[in-house]
Protein backbone atom coordinates (compact mmCIF):
# COMPACT_ATOMS: atom_id res chain seq x y z
CA UNK A 1 -47.65 -155.02 40.24
CA UNK A 2 -48.74 -157.32 42.97
CA UNK A 3 -48.74 -156.05 46.57
CA UNK A 4 -46.06 -157.84 48.67
CA UNK A 5 -47.38 -156.94 52.05
CA UNK A 6 -50.54 -157.58 54.03
CA UNK A 7 -52.19 -155.11 56.40
CA UNK A 8 -53.90 -156.06 59.67
CA UNK A 9 -57.27 -155.40 57.90
CA UNK A 10 -56.41 -157.85 55.15
CA UNK A 11 -55.28 -160.49 57.66
CA UNK A 12 -58.47 -159.99 59.66
CA UNK A 13 -60.58 -160.58 56.49
CA UNK A 14 -58.51 -163.66 55.44
CA UNK A 15 -58.62 -165.29 58.85
CA UNK A 16 -62.03 -164.17 60.05
CA UNK A 17 -60.58 -162.41 63.10
CA UNK A 18 -60.68 -158.87 64.49
CA UNK A 19 -58.36 -156.18 63.16
CA UNK A 20 -56.72 -155.84 66.53
CA UNK A 21 -55.89 -159.55 66.51
CA UNK A 22 -54.46 -159.01 62.98
CA UNK A 23 -52.12 -156.40 64.46
CA UNK A 24 -51.04 -158.83 67.20
CA UNK A 25 -50.23 -161.51 64.54
CA UNK A 26 -48.30 -158.98 62.49
CA UNK A 27 -46.32 -157.93 65.55
CA UNK A 28 -45.41 -161.54 66.37
CA UNK A 29 -44.41 -162.36 62.79
CA UNK A 30 -42.46 -159.10 62.43
CA UNK A 31 -40.55 -159.97 65.63
CA UNK A 32 -39.61 -163.32 64.19
CA UNK A 33 -38.40 -161.68 61.00
CA UNK A 34 -36.42 -158.96 62.88
CA UNK A 35 -34.79 -161.68 65.01
CA UNK A 36 -33.63 -163.26 61.70
CA UNK A 37 -32.19 -159.92 60.60
CA UNK A 38 -34.87 -158.87 58.15
CA UNK A 39 -36.20 -155.32 57.84
CA UNK A 40 -39.88 -155.06 58.90
CA UNK A 41 -42.66 -152.42 58.62
CA UNK A 42 -44.95 -151.73 61.58
CA UNK A 43 -48.53 -152.81 60.80
CA UNK A 44 -47.56 -154.80 57.66
CA UNK A 45 -46.22 -158.24 57.00
CA UNK A 46 -44.75 -159.97 53.95
CA UNK A 47 -47.38 -162.01 52.14
CA UNK A 48 -44.83 -164.74 51.54
CA UNK A 49 -43.87 -165.01 55.20
CA UNK A 50 -47.48 -164.85 56.35
CA UNK A 51 -48.45 -167.63 54.01
CA UNK A 52 -45.47 -169.75 55.01
CA UNK A 53 -46.22 -169.44 58.71
CA UNK A 54 -50.04 -169.58 58.60
CA UNK A 55 -50.73 -171.89 55.70
CA UNK A 56 -47.50 -173.89 55.63
CA UNK A 57 -46.18 -172.33 52.43
CA UNK A 58 -49.36 -172.68 50.39
CA UNK A 59 -49.56 -170.16 47.61
CA UNK A 60 -52.23 -167.41 47.55
CA UNK A 61 -53.95 -169.02 44.60
CA UNK A 62 -54.67 -172.13 46.65
CA UNK A 63 -55.88 -170.14 49.68
CA UNK A 64 -58.41 -168.29 47.54
CA UNK A 65 -57.21 -164.72 48.32
CA UNK A 66 -57.11 -162.04 45.66
CA UNK A 67 -54.76 -159.01 45.47
């Protein structure tokens, strides 16, 4: 089963940023989702939503990440 959520550590590795910046990005994206009425998890973000917002909807296969 494929993981459906990214952690701050995974985002940091994907984007080449610090883990603390990863947490800030997650907080921002989770706020956007919460404002739309979605349930969110602190410290984790939906892979689909992250890819949509960061990569413009490009699938993980095209970004080169592995689960």
